[in-house]
């Protein structure tokens, strides 16, 4: 297994890590390993949802949406208007 050394860690961070380790009934070292592992292996739920939605769209052959109708002279959020 690989090893790393973290220098100049603020005391507040070290205290927080110790408190977390106690809350999870782990050693400080095991807590840091768990935090690092979660940070690099967890999946963003939004990205997961988007991927699932795209896969569903492909499975059903896509979805055709009607073009949104705009009235003449409507103002857009960025300030420009339709002719």
N, C-alpha and C. Protein backbone atom coordinates (compact mmCIF):
# COMPACT_ATOMS: atom_id res chain seq x y z
N UNK A 1 0.83 -1.18 0.00
CA UNK A 1 0.00 0.00 0.00
C UNK A 1 0.88 1.25 0.00
N UNK A 2 0.35 2.30 -0.58
CA UNK A 2 1.07 3.57 -0.64
C UNK A 2 0.92 4.34 0.66
N UNK A 3 1.82 5.27 0.87
CA UNK A 3 1.78 6.13 2.05
C UNK A 3 1.92 7.57 1.62
N UNK A 4 1.30 8.48 2.39
CA UNK A 4 1.49 9.91 2.16
C UNK A 4 1.75 10.58 3.50
N UNK A 5 2.40 11.72 3.43
CA UNK A 5 2.64 12.55 4.60
C UNK A 5 2.03 13.91 4.31
N UNK A 6 1.23 14.41 5.24
CA UNK A 6 0.62 15.72 5.08
C UNK A 6 1.29 16.66 6.08
N UNK A 7 1.97 17.65 5.56
CA UNK A 7 2.67 18.61 6.42
C UNK A 7 1.84 19.87 6.60
N UNK A 8 2.11 20.59 7.66
CA UNK A 8 1.50 21.89 7.94
C UNK A 8 -0.03 21.83 8.02
N UNK A 9 -0.54 20.75 8.60
CA UNK A 9 -1.97 20.61 8.78
C UNK A 9 -2.39 21.48 9.97
N UNK A 10 -3.35 22.38 9.77
CA UNK A 10 -3.78 23.24 10.88
C UNK A 10 -4.29 22.40 12.06
N UNK A 11 -4.06 22.89 13.27
CA UNK A 11 -4.49 22.17 14.47
C UNK A 11 -6.00 21.94 14.47
N UNK A 12 -6.76 22.90 13.95
CA UNK A 12 -8.22 22.77 13.94
C UNK A 12 -8.64 21.58 13.07
N UNK A 13 -7.94 21.39 11.96
CA UNK A 13 -8.26 20.27 11.07
C UNK A 13 -7.93 18.95 11.77
N UNK A 14 -6.79 18.90 12.42
CA UNK A 14 -6.40 17.68 13.13
C UNK A 14 -7.39 17.35 14.24
N UNK A 15 -7.83 18.37 14.97
CA UNK A 15 -8.82 18.15 16.03
C UNK A 15 -10.14 17.65 15.44
N UNK A 16 -10.54 18.23 14.32
CA UNK A 16 -11.77 17.79 13.66
C UNK A 16 -11.67 16.35 13.20
N UNK A 17 -10.51 15.98 12.67
CA UNK A 17 -10.32 14.59 12.25
C UNK A 17 -10.39 13.63 13.43
N UNK A 18 -9.81 14.04 14.55
CA UNK A 18 -9.86 13.19 15.75
C UNK A 18 -11.30 13.02 16.23
N UNK A 19 -12.07 14.12 16.22
CA UNK A 19 -13.48 14.05 16.65
C UNK A 19 -14.28 13.12 15.72
N UNK A 20 -14.05 13.26 14.43
CA UNK A 20 -14.75 12.39 13.47
C UNK A 20 -14.39 10.93 13.68
N UNK A 21 -13.11 10.67 13.93
CA UNK A 21 -12.67 9.30 14.16
C UNK A 21 -13.37 8.71 15.38
N UNK A 22 -13.50 9.48 16.44
CA UNK A 22 -14.18 9.01 17.64
C UNK A 22 -15.66 8.75 17.34
N UNK A 23 -16.31 9.66 16.60
CA UNK A 23 -17.72 9.49 16.25
C UNK A 23 -17.95 8.21 15.44
N UNK A 24 -17.00 7.86 14.59
CA UNK A 24 -17.15 6.67 13.74
C UNK A 24 -16.47 5.43 14.34
N UNK A 25 -15.99 5.58 15.57
CA UNK A 25 -15.33 4.47 16.28
C UNK A 25 -14.19 3.89 15.45
N UNK A 26 -13.35 4.78 14.92
CA UNK A 26 -12.18 4.38 14.13
C UNK A 26 -10.95 5.07 14.67
N UNK A 27 -9.81 4.54 14.27
CA UNK A 27 -8.56 5.24 14.57
C UNK A 27 -8.48 6.47 13.67
N UNK A 28 -7.61 7.40 14.03
CA UNK A 28 -7.42 8.60 13.21
C UNK A 28 -6.97 8.21 11.81
N UNK A 29 -6.06 7.27 11.73
CA UNK A 29 -5.56 6.81 10.43
C UNK A 29 -6.67 6.18 9.59
N UNK A 30 -7.51 5.35 10.20
CA UNK A 30 -8.62 4.72 9.48
C UNK A 30 -9.62 5.78 9.02
N UNK A 31 -9.85 6.80 9.84
CA UNK A 31 -10.78 7.87 9.46
C UNK A 31 -10.27 8.63 8.24
N UNK A 32 -8.99 8.97 8.23
CA UNK A 32 -8.40 9.68 7.10
C UNK A 32 -8.48 8.82 5.84
N UNK A 33 -8.20 7.52 5.98
CA UNK A 33 -8.33 6.62 4.82
C UNK A 33 -9.75 6.61 4.29
N UNK A 34 -10.73 6.55 5.18
CA UNK A 34 -12.13 6.53 4.76
C UNK A 34 -12.51 7.83 4.05
N UNK A 35 -12.08 8.96 4.58
CA UNK A 35 -12.38 10.26 3.96
C UNK A 35 -11.77 10.34 2.56
N UNK A 36 -10.51 9.96 2.43
CA UNK A 36 -9.85 10.01 1.14
C UNK A 36 -10.49 9.04 0.14
N UNK A 37 -10.83 7.85 0.60
CA UNK A 37 -11.46 6.87 -0.27
C UNK A 37 -12.82 7.38 -0.76
N UNK A 38 -13.63 7.92 0.14
CA UNK A 38 -14.93 8.48 -0.24
C UNK A 38 -14.78 9.62 -1.24
N UNK A 39 -13.75 10.44 -1.05
CA UNK A 39 -13.56 11.61 -1.91
C UNK A 39 -13.27 11.22 -3.36
N UNK A 40 -12.61 10.12 -3.56
CA UNK A 40 -12.24 9.75 -4.93
C UNK A 40 -13.12 8.67 -5.54
N UNK A 41 -13.98 8.03 -4.74
CA UNK A 41 -14.82 6.97 -5.28
C UNK A 41 -16.30 7.30 -5.29
N UNK A 42 -16.72 8.35 -4.61
CA UNK A 42 -18.15 8.65 -4.55
C UNK A 42 -18.61 9.24 -5.88
N UNK A 43 -19.86 8.97 -6.21
CA UNK A 43 -20.45 9.44 -7.45
C UNK A 43 -21.39 10.60 -7.14
N UNK A 44 -21.26 11.67 -7.90
CA UNK A 44 -22.15 12.82 -7.74
C UNK A 44 -23.55 12.39 -8.14
N UNK A 45 -24.55 12.54 -7.25
CA UNK A 45 -25.91 12.08 -7.58
C UNK A 45 -26.51 12.79 -8.80
N UNK A 46 -26.15 14.04 -9.02
CA UNK A 46 -26.67 14.76 -10.18
C UNK A 46 -26.10 14.16 -11.47
N UNK A 47 -24.81 13.89 -11.47
CA UNK A 47 -24.18 13.29 -12.65
C UNK A 47 -24.76 11.90 -12.91
N UNK A 48 -24.98 11.16 -11.84
CA UNK A 48 -25.57 9.83 -11.97
C UNK A 48 -26.97 9.91 -12.57
N UNK A 49 -27.78 10.87 -12.09
CA UNK A 49 -29.13 11.04 -12.61
C UNK A 49 -29.11 11.42 -14.08
N UNK A 50 -28.22 12.33 -14.46
CA UNK A 50 -28.10 12.73 -15.85
C UNK A 50 -27.69 11.56 -16.74
N UNK A 51 -26.74 10.77 -16.26
CA UNK A 51 -26.32 9.59 -17.03
C UNK A 51 -27.47 8.61 -17.20
N UNK A 52 -28.22 8.37 -16.11
CA UNK A 52 -29.36 7.46 -16.18
C UNK A 52 -30.43 7.98 -17.14
N UNK A 53 -30.68 9.28 -17.10
CA UNK A 53 -31.67 9.89 -17.98
C UNK A 53 -31.26 9.78 -19.44
N UNK A 54 -30.00 10.01 -19.72
CA UNK A 54 -29.49 9.90 -21.09
C UNK A 54 -29.61 8.46 -21.58
N UNK A 55 -29.29 7.50 -20.72
CA UNK A 55 -29.39 6.09 -21.10
C UNK A 55 -30.84 5.71 -21.37
N UNK A 56 -31.76 6.21 -20.57
CA UNK A 56 -33.17 5.94 -20.79
C UNK A 56 -33.64 6.53 -22.12
N UNK A 57 -33.22 7.76 -22.39
CA UNK A 57 -33.57 8.39 -23.66
C UNK A 57 -33.08 7.60 -24.85
N UNK A 58 -31.86 7.09 -24.75
CA UNK A 58 -31.31 6.27 -25.83
C UNK A 58 -32.07 4.95 -25.96
N UNK A 59 -32.48 4.36 -24.84
CA UNK A 59 -33.17 3.08 -24.85
C UNK A 59 -34.53 3.17 -25.52
N UNK A 60 -35.20 4.32 -25.39
CA UNK A 60 -36.53 4.47 -25.99
C UNK A 60 -36.47 5.18 -27.33
N UNK A 61 -35.30 5.45 -27.83
CA UNK A 61 -35.16 6.07 -29.14
C UNK A 61 -35.18 7.57 -29.13
N UNK A 62 -35.00 8.18 -27.98
CA UNK A 62 -34.97 9.64 -27.89
C UNK A 62 -36.36 10.23 -27.72
N UNK A 63 -36.40 11.50 -27.52
CA UNK A 63 -37.66 12.20 -27.31
C UNK A 63 -37.65 13.45 -28.17
N UNK A 64 -38.71 13.64 -28.96
CA UNK A 64 -38.86 14.85 -29.75
C UNK A 64 -39.72 15.83 -28.98
N UNK A 65 -39.19 16.99 -28.72
CA UNK A 65 -39.93 18.02 -28.01
C UNK A 65 -40.33 19.11 -28.99
N UNK A 66 -41.53 19.67 -28.81
CA UNK A 66 -41.95 20.75 -29.70
C UNK A 66 -41.13 22.00 -29.42
N UNK A 67 -40.96 22.81 -30.45
CA UNK A 67 -40.24 24.06 -30.28
C UNK A 67 -41.13 25.02 -29.48
N UNK A 68 -40.54 25.69 -28.54
CA UNK A 68 -41.30 26.61 -27.70
C UNK A 68 -41.70 27.84 -28.51
N UNK A 69 -42.95 28.23 -28.37
CA UNK A 69 -43.43 29.42 -29.08
C UNK A 69 -43.08 30.66 -28.28
N UNK A 70 -42.67 31.69 -28.97
CA UNK A 70 -42.34 32.96 -28.31
C UNK A 70 -43.18 34.05 -28.93
N UNK A 71 -43.65 34.92 -28.09
CA UNK A 71 -44.43 36.04 -28.63
C UNK A 71 -43.48 37.16 -29.05
N UNK A 72 -43.88 37.90 -30.06
CA UNK A 72 -43.06 39.01 -30.55
C UNK A 72 -42.89 40.04 -29.45
N UNK A 73 -41.68 40.52 -29.31
CA UNK A 73 -41.40 41.56 -28.32
C UNK A 73 -41.17 41.03 -26.91
N UNK A 74 -41.08 39.70 -26.74
CA UNK A 74 -40.85 39.19 -25.39
C UNK A 74 -39.43 39.49 -24.96
N UNK A 75 -39.25 39.73 -23.67
CA UNK A 75 -37.94 40.08 -23.12
C UNK A 75 -37.32 38.85 -22.50
N UNK A 76 -36.08 38.60 -22.86
CA UNK A 76 -35.35 37.46 -22.33
C UNK A 76 -34.60 37.85 -21.08
N UNK A 77 -34.24 36.86 -20.25
CA UNK A 77 -33.55 37.16 -18.99
C UNK A 77 -32.27 37.98 -19.15
N UNK A 78 -31.60 37.85 -20.29
CA UNK A 78 -30.35 38.58 -20.46
C UNK A 78 -30.58 39.99 -21.03
N UNK A 79 -31.86 40.38 -21.20
CA UNK A 79 -32.17 41.76 -21.58
C UNK A 79 -32.49 42.01 -23.03
N UNK A 80 -32.20 41.07 -23.94
CA UNK A 80 -32.51 41.34 -25.34
C UNK A 80 -33.96 40.95 -25.62
N UNK A 81 -34.53 41.51 -26.67
CA UNK A 81 -35.93 41.25 -27.01
C UNK A 81 -36.03 40.60 -28.37
N UNK A 82 -37.12 39.83 -28.56
CA UNK A 82 -37.41 39.24 -29.86
C UNK A 82 -37.87 40.34 -30.80
N UNK A 83 -37.56 40.24 -32.08
CA UNK A 83 -38.02 41.24 -33.04
C UNK A 83 -39.52 41.16 -33.27
